[in-house]
Amino acid sequence: PLTLFDAIGPRDAGGRLAARDQAFGEGPRRRLDVYVPTVAAEKAPVLVFFYGGSWQSGSKDDYAFVGHALAAQGFVTVLPDYRLYPEAPFPGFLEDGAAAIAWVRDNIAAFGGDPRRIVLAGHSAGAY
């Protein structure tokens, strides 16, 4: 259902996709997307959003609407994918989250984000 919503839902004006599938580790699921405000600001606050899905389902692509909406509010927004169970039993998916945050800290300045102002947010399992 989220894929359909994302495909037909309106995009928040003021946010755009700046980078897709940036690698923060090996493998196809250790990738992230970066959304930025259309009006660039230096050292903007950064929000990393982890989606839910019981650590068994989900994709950053299903939550593009979140990236657009948060970027429109002035956040440089990062949506990481992470390995899912059973490929990554506990704590593998949490280790992927930590690796994504390390990538953000080390690389987000190139997108106008302030690596000293990183906020974490999530939905369901992603809020864990």
N, C-alpha and C. Protein backbone atom coordinates (compact mmCIF):
# COMPACT_ATOMS: atom_id res chain seq x y z
N PRO A 1 0.80 -1.22 0.00
CA PRO A 1 0.00 0.00 0.00
C PRO A 1 0.84 1.28 0.00
N LEU A 2 1.99 1.27 0.68
CA LEU A 2 2.80 2.48 0.71
C LEU A 2 3.41 2.79 -0.65
N THR A 3 3.74 1.76 -1.42
CA THR A 3 4.30 1.99 -2.74
C THR A 3 3.29 2.71 -3.62
N LEU A 4 2.04 2.29 -3.56
CA LEU A 4 1.00 2.96 -4.33
C LEU A 4 0.83 4.40 -3.85
N PHE A 5 0.77 4.61 -2.54
CA PHE A 5 0.63 5.96 -1.99
C PHE A 5 1.79 6.83 -2.45
N ASP A 6 2.99 6.30 -2.38
CA ASP A 6 4.16 7.08 -2.77
C ASP A 6 4.13 7.40 -4.25
N ALA A 7 3.65 6.47 -5.07
CA ALA A 7 3.62 6.68 -6.52
C ALA A 7 2.61 7.75 -6.93
N ILE A 8 1.46 7.79 -6.25
CA ILE A 8 0.41 8.72 -6.67
C ILE A 8 0.26 9.93 -5.76
N GLY A 9 0.89 9.88 -4.59
CA GLY A 9 0.76 10.98 -3.63
C GLY A 9 1.50 12.22 -4.09
N PRO A 10 1.01 13.39 -3.69
CA PRO A 10 1.69 14.63 -4.06
C PRO A 10 3.03 14.75 -3.33
N ARG A 11 3.94 15.45 -3.94
CA ARG A 11 5.25 15.72 -3.34
C ARG A 11 5.18 17.07 -2.64
N ASP A 12 5.78 17.13 -1.47
CA ASP A 12 5.84 18.40 -0.77
C ASP A 12 6.80 19.31 -1.53
N ALA A 13 6.30 20.50 -1.87
CA ALA A 13 7.16 21.48 -2.50
C ALA A 13 8.21 21.89 -1.47
N GLY A 14 9.41 22.11 -1.91
CA GLY A 14 10.45 22.53 -0.99
C GLY A 14 11.45 21.45 -0.64
N GLY A 15 11.25 20.22 -1.12
CA GLY A 15 12.20 19.13 -0.87
C GLY A 15 12.48 18.38 -2.15
N ARG A 16 13.71 17.92 -2.29
CA ARG A 16 14.06 17.15 -3.50
C ARG A 16 15.06 16.05 -3.15
N LEU A 17 15.07 15.01 -3.97
CA LEU A 17 16.04 13.93 -3.84
C LEU A 17 17.37 14.43 -4.37
N ALA A 18 18.41 14.38 -3.53
CA ALA A 18 19.73 14.86 -3.92
C ALA A 18 20.68 13.73 -4.27
N ALA A 19 20.51 12.57 -3.63
CA ALA A 19 21.39 11.43 -3.89
C ALA A 19 20.63 10.15 -3.63
N ARG A 20 20.80 9.18 -4.51
CA ARG A 20 20.10 7.91 -4.40
C ARG A 20 21.11 6.78 -4.28
N ASP A 21 20.78 5.82 -3.43
CA ASP A 21 21.57 4.59 -3.30
C ASP A 21 23.04 4.81 -2.95
N GLN A 22 23.29 5.69 -2.01
CA GLN A 22 24.64 5.89 -1.50
C GLN A 22 25.01 4.69 -0.62
N ALA A 23 26.13 4.07 -0.88
CA ALA A 23 26.53 2.88 -0.14
C ALA A 23 27.12 3.25 1.22
N PHE A 24 26.62 2.59 2.28
CA PHE A 24 27.24 2.74 3.61
C PHE A 24 27.78 1.40 4.10
N GLY A 25 27.72 0.39 3.25
CA GLY A 25 28.23 -0.94 3.55
C GLY A 25 28.12 -1.79 2.30
N GLU A 26 28.49 -3.04 2.42
CA GLU A 26 28.43 -3.96 1.28
C GLU A 26 27.04 -4.57 1.16
N GLY A 27 26.65 -4.86 -0.06
CA GLY A 27 25.38 -5.51 -0.32
C GLY A 27 24.31 -4.54 -0.77
N PRO A 28 23.29 -5.07 -1.41
CA PRO A 28 22.26 -4.21 -2.01
C PRO A 28 21.37 -3.46 -1.01
N ARG A 29 21.24 -3.95 0.22
CA ARG A 29 20.35 -3.29 1.17
C ARG A 29 21.05 -2.23 2.01
N ARG A 30 22.32 -2.13 1.93
CA ARG A 30 23.05 -1.12 2.71
C ARG A 30 23.28 0.11 1.84
N ARG A 31 22.16 0.75 1.52
CA ARG A 31 22.16 1.95 0.69
C ARG A 31 21.23 2.96 1.34
N LEU A 32 21.44 4.23 1.03
CA LEU A 32 20.58 5.27 1.57
C LEU A 32 20.34 6.35 0.54
N ASP A 33 19.24 7.07 0.72
CA ASP A 33 18.89 8.21 -0.12
C ASP A 33 18.96 9.47 0.73
N VAL A 34 19.34 10.58 0.09
CA VAL A 34 19.44 11.87 0.77
C VAL A 34 18.50 12.86 0.10
N TYR A 35 17.66 13.49 0.90
CA TYR A 35 16.73 14.52 0.45
C TYR A 35 17.16 15.84 1.07
N VAL A 36 17.07 16.92 0.28
CA VAL A 36 17.50 18.22 0.77
C VAL A 36 16.41 19.26 0.50
N PRO A 37 16.43 20.33 1.30
CA PRO A 37 15.51 21.44 1.00
C PRO A 37 15.88 22.05 -0.36
N THR A 38 14.87 22.48 -1.11
CA THR A 38 15.17 23.10 -2.41
C THR A 38 15.87 24.44 -2.24
N VAL A 39 15.61 25.11 -1.15
CA VAL A 39 16.35 26.33 -0.82
C VAL A 39 17.48 25.90 0.11
N ALA A 40 18.67 25.83 -0.46
CA ALA A 40 19.81 25.30 0.29
C ALA A 40 20.17 26.21 1.46
N ALA A 41 20.51 25.59 2.56
CA ALA A 41 20.99 26.30 3.74
C ALA A 41 22.28 25.63 4.20
N GLU A 42 23.22 26.43 4.65
CA GLU A 42 24.44 25.85 5.19
C GLU A 42 24.17 25.27 6.56
N LYS A 43 24.74 24.12 6.81
CA LYS A 43 24.65 23.47 8.11
C LYS A 43 23.21 23.30 8.59
N ALA A 44 22.39 22.76 7.70
CA ALA A 44 20.99 22.48 8.06
C ALA A 44 20.94 21.29 9.02
N PRO A 45 19.92 21.23 9.87
CA PRO A 45 19.77 20.05 10.72
C PRO A 45 19.53 18.81 9.86
N VAL A 46 19.94 17.68 10.38
CA VAL A 46 19.87 16.41 9.65
C VAL A 46 18.92 15.48 10.38
N LEU A 47 18.05 14.83 9.63
CA LEU A 47 17.13 13.86 10.21
C LEU A 47 17.30 12.53 9.48
N VAL A 48 17.62 11.49 10.22
CA VAL A 48 17.74 10.15 9.67
C VAL A 48 16.48 9.40 10.06
N PHE A 49 15.74 8.92 9.06
CA PHE A 49 14.46 8.24 9.29
C PHE A 49 14.58 6.76 8.93
N PHE A 50 14.31 5.90 9.92
CA PHE A 50 14.30 4.46 9.71
C PHE A 50 12.85 3.98 9.62
N TYR A 51 12.49 3.31 8.53
CA TYR A 51 11.13 2.79 8.36
C TYR A 51 10.94 1.52 9.18
N GLY A 52 9.69 1.16 9.37
CA GLY A 52 9.36 -0.06 10.09
C GLY A 52 9.11 -1.23 9.16
N GLY A 53 8.62 -2.31 9.73
CA GLY A 53 8.33 -3.52 8.96
C GLY A 53 8.73 -4.78 9.69
N SER A 54 8.77 -4.70 11.01
CA SER A 54 9.13 -5.85 11.85
C SER A 54 10.51 -6.40 11.54
N TRP A 55 11.37 -5.59 10.98
CA TRP A 55 12.72 -5.98 10.56
C TRP A 55 12.68 -7.10 9.52
N GLN A 56 11.49 -7.30 8.91
CA GLN A 56 11.32 -8.37 7.92
C GLN A 56 10.87 -7.86 6.57
N SER A 57 10.45 -6.62 6.50
CA SER A 57 9.96 -6.07 5.23
C SER A 57 10.17 -4.56 5.23
N GLY A 58 9.99 -3.99 4.07
CA GLY A 58 10.10 -2.55 3.91
C GLY A 58 11.24 -2.15 3.01
N SER A 59 11.18 -0.91 2.58
CA SER A 59 12.20 -0.36 1.69
C SER A 59 12.19 1.15 1.82
N LYS A 60 13.35 1.75 1.71
CA LYS A 60 13.44 3.20 1.73
C LYS A 60 12.62 3.80 0.59
N ASP A 61 12.51 3.07 -0.52
CA ASP A 61 11.76 3.57 -1.66
C ASP A 61 10.28 3.77 -1.33
N ASP A 62 9.75 3.01 -0.39
CA ASP A 62 8.35 3.15 0.01
C ASP A 62 8.11 4.42 0.81
N TYR A 63 9.16 5.05 1.30
CA TYR A 63 9.04 6.20 2.18
C TYR A 63 9.61 7.48 1.58
N ALA A 64 9.70 7.53 0.25
CA ALA A 64 10.19 8.75 -0.40
C ALA A 64 9.35 9.96 0.00
N PHE A 65 8.06 9.75 0.23
CA PHE A 65 7.20 10.87 0.63
C PHE A 65 7.66 11.47 1.96
N VAL A 66 8.22 10.66 2.85
CA VAL A 66 8.75 11.15 4.12
C VAL A 66 9.99 12.01 3.85
N GLY A 67 10.86 11.54 2.98
CA GLY A 67 12.05 12.32 2.65
C GLY A 67 11.71 13.68 2.08
N HIS A 68 10.75 13.70 1.15
CA HIS A 68 10.33 14.97 0.55
C HIS A 68 9.71 15.89 1.60
N ALA A 69 8.82 15.34 2.43
CA ALA A 69 8.11 16.15 3.42
C ALA A 69 9.07 16.76 4.45
N LEU A 70 10.00 15.96 4.95
CA LEU A 70 10.92 16.47 5.97
C LEU A 70 11.93 17.45 5.37
N ALA A 71 12.37 17.20 4.15
CA ALA A 71 13.27 18.15 3.49
C ALA A 71 12.56 19.48 3.25
N ALA A 72 11.28 19.42 2.93
CA ALA A 72 10.50 20.65 2.74
C ALA A 72 10.40 21.47 4.02
N GLN A 73 10.60 20.82 5.16
CA GLN A 73 10.57 21.52 6.45
C GLN A 73 11.96 22.02 6.87
N GLY A 74 12.96 21.85 6.01
CA GLY A 74 14.28 22.39 6.27
C GLY A 74 15.32 21.39 6.74
N PHE A 75 14.97 20.11 6.82
CA PHE A 75 15.92 19.08 7.24
C PHE A 75 16.61 18.46 6.03
N VAL A 76 17.92 18.23 6.12
CA VAL A 76 18.56 17.31 5.20
C VAL A 76 18.16 15.94 5.73
N THR A 77 17.46 15.18 4.92
CA THR A 77 16.81 13.95 5.38
C THR A 77 17.45 12.74 4.72
N VAL A 78 17.71 11.73 5.53
CA VAL A 78 18.36 10.51 5.05
C VAL A 78 17.44 9.33 5.33
N LEU A 79 17.19 8.52 4.29
CA LEU A 79 16.39 7.30 4.42
C LEU A 79 17.27 6.11 4.09
N PRO A 80 17.73 5.38 5.11
CA PRO A 80 18.56 4.20 4.85
C PRO A 80 17.72 2.92 4.69
N ASP A 81 18.20 2.03 3.86
CA ASP A 81 17.73 0.65 3.87
C ASP A 81 18.63 -0.10 4.84
N TYR A 82 18.20 -1.25 5.26
CA TYR A 82 19.00 -2.10 6.14
C TYR A 82 18.64 -3.53 5.83
N ARG A 83 19.56 -4.45 6.16
CA ARG A 83 19.28 -5.86 5.91
C ARG A 83 18.10 -6.31 6.76
N LEU A 84 17.36 -7.25 6.23
CA LEU A 84 16.15 -7.74 6.89
C LEU A 84 16.36 -9.17 7.39
N TYR A 85 15.56 -9.55 8.34
CA TYR A 85 15.53 -10.92 8.84
C TYR A 85 14.91 -11.81 7.76
N PRO A 86 15.38 -12.98 7.47
CA PRO A 86 16.40 -13.76 8.17
C PRO A 86 17.82 -13.53 7.67
N GLU A 87 18.01 -12.73 6.60
CA GLU A 87 19.38 -12.47 6.14
C GLU A 87 20.23 -11.91 7.28
N ALA A 88 19.64 -11.02 8.05
CA ALA A 88 20.37 -10.38 9.14
C ALA A 88 19.63 -10.61 10.45
N PRO A 89 19.95 -11.67 11.16
CA PRO A 89 19.33 -11.84 12.48
C PRO A 89 19.82 -10.75 13.43
N PHE A 90 19.10 -10.59 14.52
CA PHE A 90 19.48 -9.60 15.53
C PHE A 90 20.93 -9.82 15.95
N PRO A 91 21.74 -8.83 16.03
CA PRO A 91 21.52 -7.39 15.90
C PRO A 91 21.94 -6.83 14.55
N GLY A 92 21.97 -7.65 13.49
CA GLY A 92 22.46 -7.22 12.18
C GLY A 92 21.79 -5.97 11.64
N PHE A 93 20.46 -5.91 11.73
CA PHE A 93 19.76 -4.73 11.21
C PHE A 93 20.07 -3.49 12.04
N LEU A 94 20.34 -3.66 13.33
CA LEU A 94 20.73 -2.53 14.17
C LEU A 94 22.16 -2.08 13.85
N GLU A 95 23.03 -3.02 13.55
CA GLU A 95 24.39 -2.67 13.15
C GLU A 95 24.38 -1.90 11.83
N ASP A 96 23.46 -2.28 10.94
CA ASP A 96 23.32 -1.53 9.68
C ASP A 96 22.88 -0.10 9.95
N GLY A 97 21.97 0.08 10.90
CA GLY A 97 21.54 1.43 11.27
C GLY A 97 22.70 2.25 11.79
N ALA A 98 23.53 1.65 12.62
CA ALA A 98 24.70 2.36 13.15
C ALA A 98 25.67 2.72 12.03
N ALA A 99 25.85 1.83 11.07
CA ALA A 99 26.73 2.12 9.94
C ALA A 99 26.17 3.25 9.09
N ALA A 100 24.85 3.29 8.92
CA ALA A 100 24.22 4.38 8.16
C ALA A 100 24.45 5.72 8.86
N ILE A 101 24.31 5.73 10.18
CA ILE A 101 24.52 6.97 10.93
C ILE A 101 25.99 7.41 10.84
N ALA A 102 26.91 6.47 10.88
CA ALA A 102 28.33 6.82 10.71
C ALA A 102 28.56 7.44 9.34
N TRP A 103 27.93 6.90 8.29
CA TRP A 103 28.05 7.47 6.95
C TRP A 103 27.52 8.90 6.96
N VAL A 104 26.37 9.09 7.59
CA VAL A 104 25.79 10.44 7.66
C VAL A 104 26.77 11.40 8.34
N ARG A 105 27.28 11.02 9.48
CA ARG A 105 28.22 11.88 10.21
C ARG A 105 29.42 12.26 9.32
N ASP A 106 29.92 11.30 8.56
CA ASP A 106 31.12 11.52 7.76
C ASP A 106 30.88 12.20 6.42
N ASN A 107 29.64 12.17 5.91
CA ASN A 107 29.39 12.63 4.53
C ASN A 107 28.33 13.70 4.37
N ILE A 108 27.54 13.98 5.38
CA ILE A 108 26.36 14.82 5.19
C ILE A 108 26.69 16.28 4.92
N ALA A 109 27.85 16.74 5.32
CA ALA A 109 28.23 18.14 5.05
C ALA A 109 28.24 18.43 3.55
N ALA A 110 28.55 17.43 2.73
CA ALA A 110 28.56 17.61 1.28
C ALA A 110 27.16 17.91 0.73
N PHE A 111 26.13 17.63 1.53
CA PHE A 111 24.75 17.88 1.12
C PHE A 111 24.14 19.07 1.87
N GLY A 112 24.98 19.82 2.57
CA GLY A 112 24.50 20.99 3.30
C GLY A 112 24.06 20.71 4.72
N GLY A 113 24.22 19.48 5.18
CA GLY A 113 23.80 19.12 6.53
C GLY A 113 24.89 19.34 7.56
N ASP A 114 24.49 19.57 8.78
CA ASP A 114 25.41 19.78 9.89
C ASP A 114 25.63 18.45 10.62
N PRO A 115 26.82 17.86 10.53
CA PRO A 115 27.06 16.56 11.18
C PRO A 115 27.01 16.62 12.70
N ARG A 116 26.93 17.81 13.27
CA ARG A 116 26.81 17.94 14.73
C ARG A 116 25.35 18.04 15.16
N ARG A 117 24.44 18.08 14.19
CA ARG A 117 23.00 18.18 14.52
C ARG A 117 22.24 17.08 13.79
N ILE A 118 22.42 15.85 14.22
CA ILE A 118 21.75 14.70 13.63
C ILE A 118 20.66 14.23 14.59
N VAL A 119 19.45 14.12 14.06
CA VAL A 119 18.30 13.64 14.82
C VAL A 119 17.88 12.31 14.22
N LEU A 120 17.55 11.34 15.08
CA LEU A 120 17.07 10.04 14.62
C LEU A 120 15.57 9.97 14.82
N ALA A 121 14.88 9.40 13.83
CA ALA A 121 13.44 9.20 13.91
C ALA A 121 13.12 7.89 13.20
N GLY A 122 11.95 7.34 13.49
CA GLY A 122 11.58 6.12 12.82
C GLY A 122 10.14 5.76 13.05
N HIS A 123 9.71 4.76 12.33
CA HIS A 123 8.34 4.27 12.38
C HIS A 123 8.39 2.80 12.78
N SER A 124 7.61 2.42 13.76
CA SER A 124 7.49 1.03 14.19
C SER A 124 8.87 0.44 14.52
N ALA A 125 9.27 -0.64 13.86
CA ALA A 125 10.58 -1.24 14.15
C ALA A 125 11.70 -0.23 13.94
N GLY A 126 11.52 0.67 13.00
CA GLY A 126 12.52 1.70 12.75
C GLY A 126 12.68 2.67 13.90
N ALA A 127 11.68 2.77 14.74
CA ALA A 127 11.78 3.65 15.92
C ALA A 127 12.52 2.95 17.06
N TYR A 128 12.73 1.66 16.93
CA TYR A 128 13.43 0.90 17.96
C TYR A 128 14.87 1.35 18.06
